[in-house]
Amino acid sequence: MQLYSFFNSSTSYRVRIALRLKGVEHEYLGVNIRTGEHRAPNYVEHINASAAVPAIVEGDFHLGQSLAIIDWLDARYPEPRLIPAEPQARARVLELAYLIGCDIHPVNNLRVLKYLQDVLEVSPEQKSAWYRHWIAEGMASVERLLAQAATSHDGPWCFGAAPTLADCCLVPQIANALRMGCDLLAYERSMAVYRHASEHPAFAAAEPQRQPDYTT
């Protein structure tokens, strides 16, 4: 199996965590999205038609989009499960994962920030204000969901005693927000999950600075 990834991509980070949690052996192939390698014709045609990272290749099977990849990994390598089978538990995990994957991340990813900077020509201060606004709005929602979950689940992760897809999404989102200088002290439950995850070998191994394509 091959993983096409960029060290600082939070979507790639999600998949790296999932692969580590499941103990799936894979080859890491760095794709530098800062220099546009994800838009190279050969990559788009043969690896990921979405012109993005991450992508998984196993034989002649190619798959992009981190949430789809992790769902496929759950079916292909079912232990440990990251998306619960029980309908209500599954729905709760997906609710939080989709909040991050659909509401927070898309408005603050690299291509959006580059469009703000290069096409709309916003100032660095305006770009930072944009990023901080959507992080604050999204993380407030995450914090409310975690507070609701705490009434029925006891454990250090988003939904109890074991990590799920929700944790695979939350940890990279927090890491990116911290890198961008966001103040996250108000989100106590989220930060508690993040701190706990940082001590877990799978999460630690997936960190950006531990990847072979890492640069400062």
N, C-alpha and C. Protein backbone atom coordinates (compact mmCIF):
# COMPACT_ATOMS: atom_id res chain seq x y z
N MET A 1 0.84 -1.19 0.00
CA MET A 1 0.00 0.00 0.00
C MET A 1 0.88 1.25 0.00
N GLN A 2 0.46 2.25 -0.75
CA GLN A 2 1.18 3.52 -0.81
C GLN A 2 0.28 4.64 -0.30
N LEU A 3 0.86 5.51 0.49
CA LEU A 3 0.17 6.71 0.96
C LEU A 3 0.85 7.93 0.36
N TYR A 4 0.10 8.70 -0.41
CA TYR A 4 0.57 9.97 -0.93
C TYR A 4 0.11 11.05 0.05
N SER A 5 1.08 11.76 0.59
CA SER A 5 0.81 12.62 1.74
C SER A 5 1.70 13.86 1.68
N PHE A 6 1.28 14.90 2.37
CA PHE A 6 2.12 16.06 2.62
C PHE A 6 2.19 16.24 4.13
N PHE A 7 3.36 16.45 4.65
CA PHE A 7 3.55 16.41 6.10
C PHE A 7 2.64 17.38 6.84
N ASN A 8 2.38 18.56 6.26
CA ASN A 8 1.61 19.58 6.96
C ASN A 8 0.14 19.59 6.57
N SER A 9 -0.29 18.64 5.78
CA SER A 9 -1.70 18.54 5.40
C SER A 9 -2.47 17.85 6.52
N SER A 10 -3.48 18.53 7.05
CA SER A 10 -4.24 17.93 8.15
C SER A 10 -5.07 16.75 7.67
N THR A 11 -5.49 16.77 6.40
CA THR A 11 -6.25 15.63 5.88
C THR A 11 -5.34 14.40 5.75
N SER A 12 -4.10 14.63 5.31
CA SER A 12 -3.13 13.53 5.27
C SER A 12 -2.83 13.03 6.69
N TYR A 13 -2.73 13.96 7.60
CA TYR A 13 -2.47 13.65 9.02
C TYR A 13 -3.55 12.70 9.55
N ARG A 14 -4.81 12.95 9.20
CA ARG A 14 -5.90 12.06 9.64
C ARG A 14 -5.64 10.62 9.21
N VAL A 15 -5.28 10.47 7.94
CA VAL A 15 -5.08 9.12 7.40
C VAL A 15 -3.84 8.48 8.01
N ARG A 16 -2.79 9.27 8.23
CA ARG A 16 -1.60 8.72 8.88
C ARG A 16 -1.94 8.16 10.26
N ILE A 17 -2.77 8.88 11.01
CA ILE A 17 -3.18 8.38 12.33
C ILE A 17 -3.92 7.06 12.19
N ALA A 18 -4.88 7.02 11.26
CA ALA A 18 -5.68 5.80 11.08
C ALA A 18 -4.80 4.61 10.70
N LEU A 19 -3.86 4.82 9.80
CA LEU A 19 -2.97 3.74 9.39
C LEU A 19 -2.14 3.25 10.57
N ARG A 20 -1.66 4.17 11.39
CA ARG A 20 -0.86 3.79 12.55
C ARG A 20 -1.70 3.06 13.59
N LEU A 21 -2.92 3.54 13.83
CA LEU A 21 -3.78 2.87 14.80
C LEU A 21 -4.06 1.43 14.37
N LYS A 22 -4.22 1.22 13.08
CA LYS A 22 -4.54 -0.11 12.58
C LYS A 22 -3.30 -0.96 12.30
N GLY A 23 -2.12 -0.33 12.40
CA GLY A 23 -0.90 -1.08 12.17
C GLY A 23 -0.73 -1.53 10.73
N VAL A 24 -1.21 -0.74 9.78
CA VAL A 24 -1.15 -1.11 8.37
C VAL A 24 0.19 -0.64 7.79
N GLU A 25 0.95 -1.58 7.28
CA GLU A 25 2.22 -1.24 6.64
C GLU A 25 1.96 -0.51 5.33
N HIS A 26 2.74 0.53 5.09
CA HIS A 26 2.54 1.32 3.87
C HIS A 26 3.82 2.06 3.52
N GLU A 27 3.89 2.44 2.25
CA GLU A 27 5.00 3.25 1.76
C GLU A 27 4.56 4.70 1.73
N TYR A 28 5.35 5.57 2.32
CA TYR A 28 5.03 7.00 2.37
C TYR A 28 5.66 7.69 1.16
N LEU A 29 4.82 8.40 0.40
CA LEU A 29 5.29 9.15 -0.76
C LEU A 29 4.86 10.61 -0.59
N GLY A 30 5.84 11.48 -0.41
CA GLY A 30 5.54 12.89 -0.19
C GLY A 30 5.12 13.60 -1.47
N VAL A 31 4.08 14.43 -1.33
CA VAL A 31 3.60 15.27 -2.44
C VAL A 31 3.60 16.70 -1.93
N ASN A 32 4.45 17.53 -2.49
CA ASN A 32 4.61 18.90 -1.99
C ASN A 32 3.52 19.79 -2.56
N ILE A 33 2.49 20.06 -1.76
CA ILE A 33 1.38 20.88 -2.25
C ILE A 33 1.76 22.37 -2.28
N ARG A 34 2.82 22.72 -1.60
CA ARG A 34 3.27 24.12 -1.65
C ARG A 34 3.83 24.47 -3.03
N THR A 35 4.45 23.50 -3.68
CA THR A 35 5.04 23.74 -4.99
C THR A 35 4.17 23.23 -6.13
N GLY A 36 2.98 22.71 -5.79
CA GLY A 36 2.02 22.30 -6.82
C GLY A 36 2.18 20.90 -7.35
N GLU A 37 2.91 20.04 -6.65
CA GLU A 37 3.08 18.68 -7.14
C GLU A 37 1.76 17.93 -7.23
N HIS A 38 0.78 18.33 -6.42
CA HIS A 38 -0.53 17.66 -6.44
C HIS A 38 -1.32 17.99 -7.71
N ARG A 39 -0.86 18.97 -8.46
CA ARG A 39 -1.54 19.35 -9.71
C ARG A 39 -0.80 18.85 -10.95
N ALA A 40 0.27 18.13 -10.75
CA ALA A 40 1.01 17.58 -11.88
C ALA A 40 0.11 16.62 -12.67
N PRO A 41 0.11 16.70 -14.01
CA PRO A 41 -0.80 15.87 -14.81
C PRO A 41 -0.73 14.38 -14.50
N ASN A 42 0.46 13.84 -14.30
CA ASN A 42 0.58 12.41 -14.02
C ASN A 42 -0.06 12.05 -12.70
N TYR A 43 0.10 12.92 -11.69
CA TYR A 43 -0.51 12.67 -10.38
C TYR A 43 -2.03 12.71 -10.48
N VAL A 44 -2.56 13.73 -11.15
CA VAL A 44 -4.02 13.88 -11.26
C VAL A 44 -4.62 12.74 -12.06
N GLU A 45 -3.95 12.33 -13.12
CA GLU A 45 -4.49 11.29 -14.00
C GLU A 45 -4.40 9.91 -13.38
N HIS A 46 -3.31 9.64 -12.67
CA HIS A 46 -3.06 8.26 -12.25
C HIS A 46 -3.18 8.01 -10.74
N ILE A 47 -3.16 9.08 -9.93
CA ILE A 47 -3.17 8.87 -8.48
C ILE A 47 -4.43 9.44 -7.84
N ASN A 48 -4.70 10.73 -8.03
CA ASN A 48 -5.83 11.37 -7.34
C ASN A 48 -6.48 12.39 -8.26
N ALA A 49 -7.63 12.05 -8.79
CA ALA A 49 -8.33 12.93 -9.72
C ALA A 49 -8.77 14.24 -9.07
N SER A 50 -8.80 14.28 -7.75
CA SER A 50 -9.17 15.51 -7.05
C SER A 50 -8.03 16.51 -6.97
N ALA A 51 -6.84 16.12 -7.45
CA ALA A 51 -5.66 16.99 -7.40
C ALA A 51 -5.41 17.47 -5.97
N ALA A 52 -5.31 16.51 -5.07
CA ALA A 52 -5.16 16.83 -3.66
C ALA A 52 -4.44 15.68 -2.96
N VAL A 53 -4.11 15.90 -1.71
CA VAL A 53 -3.66 14.84 -0.82
C VAL A 53 -4.67 14.75 0.32
N PRO A 54 -4.77 13.56 0.90
CA PRO A 54 -4.00 12.35 0.66
C PRO A 54 -4.61 11.52 -0.45
N ALA A 55 -3.87 10.45 -0.79
CA ALA A 55 -4.39 9.41 -1.67
C ALA A 55 -3.79 8.09 -1.22
N ILE A 56 -4.57 7.04 -1.36
CA ILE A 56 -4.14 5.68 -1.05
C ILE A 56 -4.14 4.88 -2.35
N VAL A 57 -3.10 4.09 -2.55
CA VAL A 57 -3.03 3.20 -3.70
C VAL A 57 -2.71 1.80 -3.19
N GLU A 58 -3.54 0.85 -3.57
CA GLU A 58 -3.28 -0.56 -3.26
C GLU A 58 -3.56 -1.35 -4.52
N GLY A 59 -2.49 -1.80 -5.18
CA GLY A 59 -2.66 -2.45 -6.47
C GLY A 59 -3.22 -1.47 -7.48
N ASP A 60 -4.34 -1.84 -8.10
CA ASP A 60 -4.95 -0.94 -9.07
C ASP A 60 -6.09 -0.11 -8.46
N PHE A 61 -6.20 -0.14 -7.13
CA PHE A 61 -7.23 0.63 -6.43
C PHE A 61 -6.63 1.95 -5.95
N HIS A 62 -7.26 3.06 -6.36
CA HIS A 62 -6.82 4.39 -5.98
C HIS A 62 -7.98 5.09 -5.28
N LEU A 63 -7.68 5.79 -4.20
CA LEU A 63 -8.74 6.48 -3.46
C LEU A 63 -8.20 7.76 -2.84
N GLY A 64 -8.93 8.85 -3.04
CA GLY A 64 -8.62 10.12 -2.40
C GLY A 64 -9.69 10.44 -1.37
N GLN A 65 -9.59 11.63 -0.76
CA GLN A 65 -10.51 12.13 0.27
C GLN A 65 -10.33 11.35 1.58
N SER A 66 -9.84 12.05 2.57
CA SER A 66 -9.44 11.40 3.82
C SER A 66 -10.57 10.63 4.50
N LEU A 67 -11.77 11.19 4.53
CA LEU A 67 -12.86 10.51 5.23
C LEU A 67 -13.26 9.23 4.50
N ALA A 68 -13.23 9.26 3.17
CA ALA A 68 -13.51 8.06 2.39
C ALA A 68 -12.42 7.02 2.60
N ILE A 69 -11.17 7.47 2.68
CA ILE A 69 -10.06 6.55 2.89
C ILE A 69 -10.18 5.85 4.24
N ILE A 70 -10.49 6.61 5.27
CA ILE A 70 -10.58 6.00 6.60
C ILE A 70 -11.77 5.05 6.69
N ASP A 71 -12.86 5.39 6.03
CA ASP A 71 -14.01 4.47 5.98
C ASP A 71 -13.61 3.18 5.27
N TRP A 72 -12.87 3.29 4.18
CA TRP A 72 -12.39 2.11 3.46
C TRP A 72 -11.43 1.30 4.33
N LEU A 73 -10.55 1.98 5.03
CA LEU A 73 -9.63 1.27 5.93
C LEU A 73 -10.39 0.50 7.00
N ASP A 74 -11.49 1.08 7.50
CA ASP A 74 -12.29 0.38 8.51
C ASP A 74 -12.89 -0.90 7.95
N ALA A 75 -13.27 -0.86 6.69
CA ALA A 75 -13.83 -2.06 6.05
C ALA A 75 -12.74 -3.07 5.70
N ARG A 76 -11.60 -2.57 5.27
CA ARG A 76 -10.50 -3.42 4.83
C ARG A 76 -9.72 -4.00 6.01
N TYR A 77 -9.55 -3.21 7.03
CA TYR A 77 -8.81 -3.60 8.24
C TYR A 77 -9.67 -3.24 9.45
N PRO A 78 -10.61 -4.09 9.81
CA PRO A 78 -11.66 -3.69 10.76
C PRO A 78 -11.24 -3.51 12.21
N GLU A 79 -10.04 -3.86 12.58
CA GLU A 79 -9.63 -3.70 13.97
C GLU A 79 -8.41 -2.79 14.07
N PRO A 80 -8.44 -1.83 14.96
CA PRO A 80 -9.61 -1.41 15.73
C PRO A 80 -10.54 -0.55 14.88
N ARG A 81 -11.83 -0.65 15.16
CA ARG A 81 -12.80 0.14 14.41
C ARG A 81 -12.66 1.61 14.80
N LEU A 82 -12.71 2.46 13.79
CA LEU A 82 -12.66 3.90 14.01
C LEU A 82 -14.02 4.55 13.80
N ILE A 83 -14.90 3.87 13.08
CA ILE A 83 -16.28 4.32 12.90
C ILE A 83 -17.17 3.24 13.51
N PRO A 84 -17.82 3.51 14.62
CA PRO A 84 -18.58 2.46 15.30
C PRO A 84 -19.65 1.83 14.42
N ALA A 85 -19.96 0.58 14.70
CA ALA A 85 -21.01 -0.11 13.96
C ALA A 85 -22.39 0.22 14.49
N GLU A 86 -22.51 0.44 15.80
CA GLU A 86 -23.81 0.74 16.40
C GLU A 86 -24.31 2.07 15.85
N PRO A 87 -25.57 2.12 15.37
CA PRO A 87 -26.04 3.29 14.61
C PRO A 87 -25.91 4.63 15.32
N GLN A 88 -26.31 4.72 16.59
CA GLN A 88 -26.23 6.02 17.26
C GLN A 88 -24.79 6.43 17.53
N ALA A 89 -23.96 5.49 17.95
CA ALA A 89 -22.55 5.80 18.18
C ALA A 89 -21.88 6.21 16.87
N ARG A 90 -22.20 5.51 15.80
CA ARG A 90 -21.67 5.86 14.48
C ARG A 90 -22.07 7.28 14.10
N ALA A 91 -23.33 7.60 14.31
CA ALA A 91 -23.83 8.93 13.94
C ALA A 91 -23.13 10.03 14.72
N ARG A 92 -22.88 9.80 15.99
CA ARG A 92 -22.23 10.81 16.82
C ARG A 92 -20.79 11.05 16.39
N VAL A 93 -20.08 9.96 16.10
CA VAL A 93 -18.70 10.09 15.64
C VAL A 93 -18.65 10.83 14.30
N LEU A 94 -19.54 10.46 13.39
CA LEU A 94 -19.57 11.12 12.09
C LEU A 94 -19.99 12.58 12.20
N GLU A 95 -20.88 12.88 13.14
CA GLU A 95 -21.31 14.26 13.33
C GLU A 95 -20.11 15.16 13.64
N LEU A 96 -19.27 14.72 14.56
CA LEU A 96 -18.11 15.54 14.93
C LEU A 96 -17.07 15.54 13.81
N ALA A 97 -16.84 14.38 13.21
CA ALA A 97 -15.85 14.30 12.12
C ALA A 97 -16.26 15.18 10.94
N TYR A 98 -17.54 15.17 10.60
CA TYR A 98 -18.01 15.99 9.48
C TYR A 98 -18.00 17.47 9.83
N LEU A 99 -18.23 17.81 11.09
CA LEU A 99 -18.13 19.21 11.51
C LEU A 99 -16.73 19.73 11.20
N ILE A 100 -15.72 18.93 11.52
CA ILE A 100 -14.35 19.35 11.25
C ILE A 100 -14.05 19.26 9.75
N GLY A 101 -14.40 18.13 9.15
CA GLY A 101 -14.05 17.89 7.76
C GLY A 101 -14.82 18.69 6.75
N CYS A 102 -16.03 19.11 7.09
CA CYS A 102 -16.89 19.82 6.13
C CYS A 102 -17.08 21.29 6.45
N ASP A 103 -17.01 21.65 7.74
CA ASP A 103 -17.31 23.03 8.14
C ASP A 103 -16.07 23.84 8.50
N ILE A 104 -15.10 23.24 9.19
CA ILE A 104 -13.93 23.99 9.64
C ILE A 104 -12.81 23.96 8.61
N HIS A 105 -12.38 22.77 8.25
CA HIS A 105 -11.20 22.64 7.39
C HIS A 105 -11.34 23.29 6.02
N PRO A 106 -12.44 23.10 5.28
CA PRO A 106 -12.48 23.60 3.90
C PRO A 106 -12.28 25.10 3.75
N VAL A 107 -12.74 25.90 4.71
CA VAL A 107 -12.61 27.35 4.56
C VAL A 107 -11.23 27.86 4.96
N ASN A 108 -10.40 26.99 5.54
CA ASN A 108 -9.08 27.41 6.01
C ASN A 108 -7.95 26.58 5.40
N ASN A 109 -8.22 25.83 4.35
CA ASN A 109 -7.14 25.02 3.80
C ASN A 109 -6.23 25.88 2.92
N LEU A 110 -5.15 25.30 2.45
CA LEU A 110 -4.11 26.07 1.77
C LEU A 110 -4.63 26.78 0.53
N ARG A 111 -5.45 26.09 -0.27
CA ARG A 111 -5.88 26.73 -1.52
C ARG A 111 -6.78 27.92 -1.27
N VAL A 112 -7.59 27.86 -0.20
CA VAL A 112 -8.44 29.01 0.14
C VAL A 112 -7.59 30.17 0.63
N LEU A 113 -6.63 29.88 1.50
CA LEU A 113 -5.77 30.94 2.01
C LEU A 113 -4.94 31.56 0.89
N LYS A 114 -4.48 30.74 -0.06
CA LYS A 114 -3.71 31.28 -1.18
C LYS A 114 -4.60 32.15 -2.08
N TYR A 115 -5.86 31.77 -2.24
CA TYR A 115 -6.78 32.57 -3.05
C TYR A 115 -7.03 33.92 -2.38
N LEU A 116 -7.23 33.89 -1.07
CA LEU A 116 -7.40 35.15 -0.34
C LEU A 116 -6.19 36.06 -0.53
N GLN A 117 -5.01 35.46 -0.45
CA GLN A 117 -3.78 36.24 -0.51
C GLN A 117 -3.43 36.67 -1.94
N ASP A 118 -3.48 35.72 -2.88
CA ASP A 118 -2.95 35.99 -4.22
C ASP A 118 -3.96 36.61 -5.17
N VAL A 119 -5.24 36.26 -5.02
CA VAL A 119 -6.25 36.76 -5.95
C VAL A 119 -7.03 37.94 -5.36
N LEU A 120 -7.53 37.77 -4.15
CA LEU A 120 -8.28 38.85 -3.51
C LEU A 120 -7.36 39.88 -2.85
N GLU A 121 -6.10 39.51 -2.71
CA GLU A 121 -5.06 40.42 -2.20
C GLU A 121 -5.41 41.00 -0.83
N VAL A 122 -5.90 40.13 0.05
CA VAL A 122 -6.13 40.57 1.41
C VAL A 122 -4.78 40.72 2.11
N SER A 123 -4.75 41.50 3.14
CA SER A 123 -3.51 41.70 3.89
C SER A 123 -3.23 40.48 4.77
N PRO A 124 -1.99 40.31 5.20
CA PRO A 124 -1.68 39.22 6.13
C PRO A 124 -2.55 39.26 7.38
N GLU A 125 -2.85 40.47 7.86
CA GLU A 125 -3.70 40.61 9.05
C GLU A 125 -5.11 40.14 8.76
N GLN A 126 -5.62 40.47 7.59
CA GLN A 126 -6.97 40.04 7.22
C GLN A 126 -7.04 38.53 7.04
N LYS A 127 -6.00 37.97 6.44
CA LYS A 127 -5.96 36.51 6.27
C LYS A 127 -5.94 35.81 7.62
N SER A 128 -5.16 36.32 8.55
CA SER A 128 -5.11 35.74 9.89
C SER A 128 -6.44 35.88 10.60
N ALA A 129 -7.10 37.03 10.42
CA ALA A 129 -8.41 37.24 11.04
C ALA A 129 -9.43 36.25 10.49
N TRP A 130 -9.38 36.02 9.18
CA TRP A 130 -10.26 35.03 8.54
C TRP A 130 -10.05 33.66 9.19
N TYR A 131 -8.80 33.24 9.29
CA TYR A 131 -8.49 31.92 9.84
C TYR A 131 -8.98 31.81 11.28
N ARG A 132 -8.66 32.80 12.09
CA ARG A 132 -9.04 32.76 13.50
C ARG A 132 -10.56 32.75 13.68
N HIS A 133 -11.27 33.49 12.82
CA HIS A 133 -12.73 33.54 12.94
C HIS A 133 -13.34 32.15 12.76
N TRP A 134 -12.93 31.46 11.69
CA TRP A 134 -13.56 30.17 11.40
C TRP A 134 -13.11 29.09 12.37
N ILE A 135 -11.90 29.21 12.89
CA ILE A 135 -11.46 28.28 13.93
C ILE A 135 -12.30 28.49 15.19
N ALA A 136 -12.47 29.74 15.59
CA ALA A 136 -13.24 30.02 16.81
C ALA A 136 -14.67 29.53 16.68
N GLU A 137 -15.30 29.81 15.53
CA GLU A 137 -16.69 29.38 15.34
C GLU A 137 -16.80 27.86 15.33
N GLY A 138 -15.89 27.21 14.61
CA GLY A 138 -15.95 25.76 14.50
C GLY A 138 -15.59 25.06 15.80
N MET A 139 -14.55 25.53 16.48
CA MET A 139 -14.14 24.86 17.72
C MET A 139 -15.16 25.05 18.82
N ALA A 140 -15.89 26.13 18.81
CA ALA A 140 -16.97 26.29 19.79
C ALA A 140 -18.03 25.20 19.59
N SER A 141 -18.30 24.88 18.34
CA SER A 141 -19.26 23.81 18.05
C SER A 141 -18.71 22.45 18.47
N VAL A 142 -17.43 22.22 18.18
CA VAL A 142 -16.80 20.97 18.60
C VAL A 142 -16.90 20.82 20.11
N GLU A 143 -16.61 21.89 20.83
CA GLU A 143 -16.62 21.84 22.28
C GLU A 143 -18.02 21.50 22.81
N ARG A 144 -19.05 22.03 22.17
CA ARG A 144 -20.42 21.70 22.59
C ARG A 144 -20.72 20.23 22.35
N LEU A 145 -20.29 19.70 21.22
CA LEU A 145 -20.53 18.28 20.95
C LEU A 145 -19.79 17.39 21.95
N LEU A 146 -18.57 17.77 22.29
CA LEU A 146 -17.83 16.98 23.28
C LEU A 146 -18.48 17.05 24.65
N ALA A 147 -19.04 18.20 24.99
CA ALA A 147 -19.73 18.32 26.28
C ALA A 147 -20.96 17.42 26.30
N GLN A 148 -21.69 17.36 25.20
CA GLN A 148 -22.84 16.46 25.13
C GLN A 148 -22.41 15.01 25.23
N ALA A 149 -21.30 14.67 24.55
CA ALA A 149 -20.82 13.28 24.57
C ALA A 149 -20.39 12.87 25.97
N ALA A 150 -19.87 13.81 26.75
CA ALA A 150 -19.37 13.50 28.09
C ALA A 150 -20.48 13.04 29.02
N THR A 151 -21.73 13.37 28.70
CA THR A 151 -22.84 12.96 29.55
C THR A 151 -23.14 11.47 29.44
N SER A 152 -22.65 10.83 28.35
CA SER A 152 -22.95 9.41 28.16
C SER A 152 -21.70 8.56 27.95
N HIS A 153 -20.54 9.19 27.87
CA HIS A 153 -19.30 8.44 27.64
C HIS A 153 -18.25 8.91 28.63
N ASP A 154 -17.51 7.97 29.19
CA ASP A 154 -16.44 8.29 30.12
C ASP A 154 -15.13 7.79 29.52
N GLY A 155 -14.19 8.68 29.34
CA GLY A 155 -12.91 8.28 28.78
C GLY A 155 -12.16 9.48 28.26
N PRO A 156 -10.88 9.31 27.90
CA PRO A 156 -10.04 10.44 27.52
C PRO A 156 -10.17 10.87 26.07
N TRP A 157 -10.90 10.09 25.26
CA TRP A 157 -11.04 10.41 23.85
C TRP A 157 -12.36 11.13 23.59
N CYS A 158 -12.59 11.51 22.37
CA CYS A 158 -13.83 12.24 22.05
C CYS A 158 -15.07 11.47 22.48
N PHE A 159 -15.05 10.15 22.27
CA PHE A 159 -16.24 9.35 22.56
C PHE A 159 -15.88 8.11 23.38
N GLY A 160 -15.19 8.33 24.47
CA GLY A 160 -15.00 7.22 25.39
C GLY A 160 -13.57 6.76 25.55
N ALA A 161 -13.40 5.45 25.67
CA ALA A 161 -12.13 4.86 26.08
C ALA A 161 -11.18 4.56 24.93
N ALA A 162 -11.63 4.72 23.69
CA ALA A 162 -10.78 4.39 22.54
C ALA A 162 -10.91 5.46 21.47
N PRO A 163 -9.84 5.69 20.70
CA PRO A 163 -9.92 6.69 19.64
C PRO A 163 -10.84 6.26 18.50
N THR A 164 -11.44 7.24 17.87
CA THR A 164 -12.32 7.01 16.73
C THR A 164 -11.94 7.98 15.61
N LEU A 165 -12.72 7.93 14.54
CA LEU A 165 -12.54 8.88 13.44
C LEU A 165 -12.58 10.31 13.94
N ALA A 166 -13.39 10.59 14.96
CA ALA A 166 -13.49 11.94 15.50
C ALA A 166 -12.13 12.43 16.00
N ASP A 167 -11.41 11.57 16.70
CA ASP A 167 -10.09 11.95 17.20
C ASP A 167 -9.09 12.10 16.07
N CYS A 168 -9.21 11.24 15.04
CA CYS A 168 -8.33 11.34 13.87
C CYS A 168 -8.51 12.69 13.17
N CYS A 169 -9.70 13.26 13.26
CA CYS A 169 -9.95 14.57 12.65
C CYS A 169 -9.61 15.73 13.58
N LEU A 170 -9.92 15.58 14.86
CA LEU A 170 -9.76 16.68 15.80
C LEU A 170 -8.29 17.02 16.04
N VAL A 171 -7.46 16.02 16.23
CA VAL A 171 -6.06 16.28 16.57
C VAL A 171 -5.34 17.07 15.47
N PRO A 172 -5.44 16.68 14.19
CA PRO A 172 -4.79 17.49 13.15
C PRO A 172 -5.36 18.90 13.05
N GLN A 173 -6.66 19.05 13.28
CA GLN A 173 -7.24 20.39 13.21
C GLN A 173 -6.68 21.29 14.30
N ILE A 174 -6.54 20.75 15.50
CA ILE A 174 -5.95 21.53 16.59
C ILE A 174 -4.49 21.84 16.29
N ALA A 175 -3.76 20.86 15.78
CA ALA A 175 -2.35 21.08 15.46
C ALA A 175 -2.19 22.22 14.46
N ASN A 176 -3.04 22.25 13.44
CA ASN A 176 -2.97 23.33 12.46
C ASN A 176 -3.32 24.67 13.09
N ALA A 177 -4.34 24.69 13.92
CA ALA A 177 -4.75 25.95 14.55
C ALA A 177 -3.66 26.49 15.46
N LEU A 178 -3.00 25.62 16.19
CA LEU A 178 -1.89 26.05 17.04
C LEU A 178 -0.74 26.58 16.20
N ARG A 179 -0.46 25.92 15.09
CA ARG A 179 0.62 26.37 14.20
C ARG A 179 0.32 27.75 13.63
N MET A 180 -0.96 28.05 13.44
CA MET A 180 -1.36 29.35 12.90
C MET A 180 -1.55 30.40 13.99
N GLY A 181 -1.21 30.06 15.23
CA GLY A 181 -1.24 31.03 16.30
C GLY A 181 -2.59 31.28 16.94
N CYS A 182 -3.53 30.36 16.77
CA CYS A 182 -4.86 30.53 17.36
C CYS A 182 -4.82 30.25 18.86
N ASP A 183 -5.60 31.00 19.60
CA ASP A 183 -5.75 30.80 21.04
C ASP A 183 -6.86 29.78 21.26
N LEU A 184 -6.49 28.62 21.78
CA LEU A 184 -7.45 27.53 21.96
C LEU A 184 -7.71 27.21 23.43
N LEU A 185 -7.28 28.07 24.32
CA LEU A 185 -7.42 27.79 25.75
C LEU A 185 -8.87 27.61 26.18
N ALA A 186 -9.79 28.27 25.48
CA ALA A 186 -11.20 28.19 25.88
C ALA A 186 -11.81 26.82 25.60
N TYR A 187 -11.16 26.01 24.76
CA TYR A 187 -11.74 24.74 24.34
C TYR A 187 -11.11 23.62 25.17
N GLU A 188 -11.52 23.56 26.42
CA GLU A 188 -10.85 22.70 27.39
C GLU A 188 -10.98 21.21 27.05
N ARG A 189 -12.17 20.79 26.66
CA ARG A 189 -12.36 19.37 26.36
C ARG A 189 -11.55 18.98 25.11
N SER A 190 -11.57 19.81 24.11
CA SER A 190 -10.81 19.54 22.89
C SER A 190 -9.33 19.45 23.18
N MET A 191 -8.83 20.37 23.96
CA MET A 191 -7.41 20.38 24.27
C MET A 191 -7.01 19.20 25.16
N ALA A 192 -7.92 18.75 26.01
CA ALA A 192 -7.64 17.56 26.82
C ALA A 192 -7.47 16.33 25.93
N VAL A 193 -8.32 16.20 24.92
CA VAL A 193 -8.19 15.10 23.95
C VAL A 193 -6.85 15.23 23.22
N TYR A 194 -6.53 16.43 22.79
CA TYR A 194 -5.29 16.66 22.05
C TYR A 194 -4.06 16.28 22.89
N ARG A 195 -4.05 16.70 24.13
CA ARG A 195 -2.92 16.38 25.00
C ARG A 195 -2.82 14.87 25.24
N HIS A 196 -3.95 14.22 25.45
CA HIS A 196 -3.94 12.77 25.65
C HIS A 196 -3.42 12.07 24.39
N ALA A 197 -3.88 12.51 23.24
CA ALA A 197 -3.47 11.88 21.98
C ALA A 197 -1.97 12.03 21.74
N SER A 198 -1.40 13.13 22.19
CA SER A 198 0.03 13.37 21.94
C SER A 198 0.90 12.33 22.63
N GLU A 199 0.34 11.63 23.63
CA GLU A 199 1.09 10.59 24.34
C GLU A 199 0.88 9.21 23.74
N HIS A 200 -0.01 9.10 22.76
CA HIS A 200 -0.31 7.81 22.14
C HIS A 200 0.67 7.56 20.99
N PRO A 201 1.29 6.39 20.93
CA PRO A 201 2.31 6.14 19.90
C PRO A 201 1.82 6.35 18.47
N ALA A 202 0.58 5.96 18.16
CA ALA A 202 0.09 6.10 16.79
C ALA A 202 -0.07 7.56 16.41
N PHE A 203 -0.59 8.36 17.32
CA PHE A 203 -0.76 9.78 17.05
C PHE A 203 0.59 10.48 16.97
N ALA A 204 1.50 10.10 17.85
CA ALA A 204 2.83 10.71 17.84
C ALA A 204 3.57 10.40 16.55
N ALA A 205 3.47 9.16 16.07
CA ALA A 205 4.16 8.76 14.84
C ALA A 205 3.61 9.48 13.62
N ALA A 206 2.36 9.92 13.69
CA ALA A 206 1.73 10.59 12.55
C ALA A 206 1.97 12.09 12.52
N GLU A 207 2.63 12.64 13.53
CA GLU A 207 2.83 14.08 13.60
C GLU A 207 3.63 14.60 12.42
N PRO A 208 3.36 15.82 11.99
CA PRO A 208 4.04 16.36 10.81
C PRO A 208 5.56 16.30 10.89
N GLN A 209 6.12 16.65 12.02
CA GLN A 209 7.57 16.73 12.15
C GLN A 209 8.25 15.36 12.10
N ARG A 210 7.49 14.28 12.14
CA ARG A 210 8.05 12.94 12.10
C ARG A 210 7.97 12.32 10.71
N GLN A 211 7.49 13.08 9.72
CA GLN A 211 7.32 12.54 8.39
C GLN A 211 8.57 12.74 7.54
N PRO A 212 8.83 11.84 6.59
CA PRO A 212 10.07 11.94 5.80
C PRO A 212 10.17 13.18 4.93
N ASP A 213 9.04 13.80 4.59
CA ASP A 213 9.08 15.01 3.76
C ASP A 213 9.03 16.29 4.58
N TYR A 214 9.20 16.17 5.89
CA TYR A 214 9.10 17.34 6.76
C TYR A 214 10.19 18.37 6.44
N THR A 215 9.77 19.62 6.36
CA THR A 215 10.70 20.73 6.25
C THR A 215 10.20 21.85 7.15
N THR A 216 11.08 22.72 7.55
CA THR A 216 10.70 23.83 8.42
C THR A 216 10.20 25.00 7.57
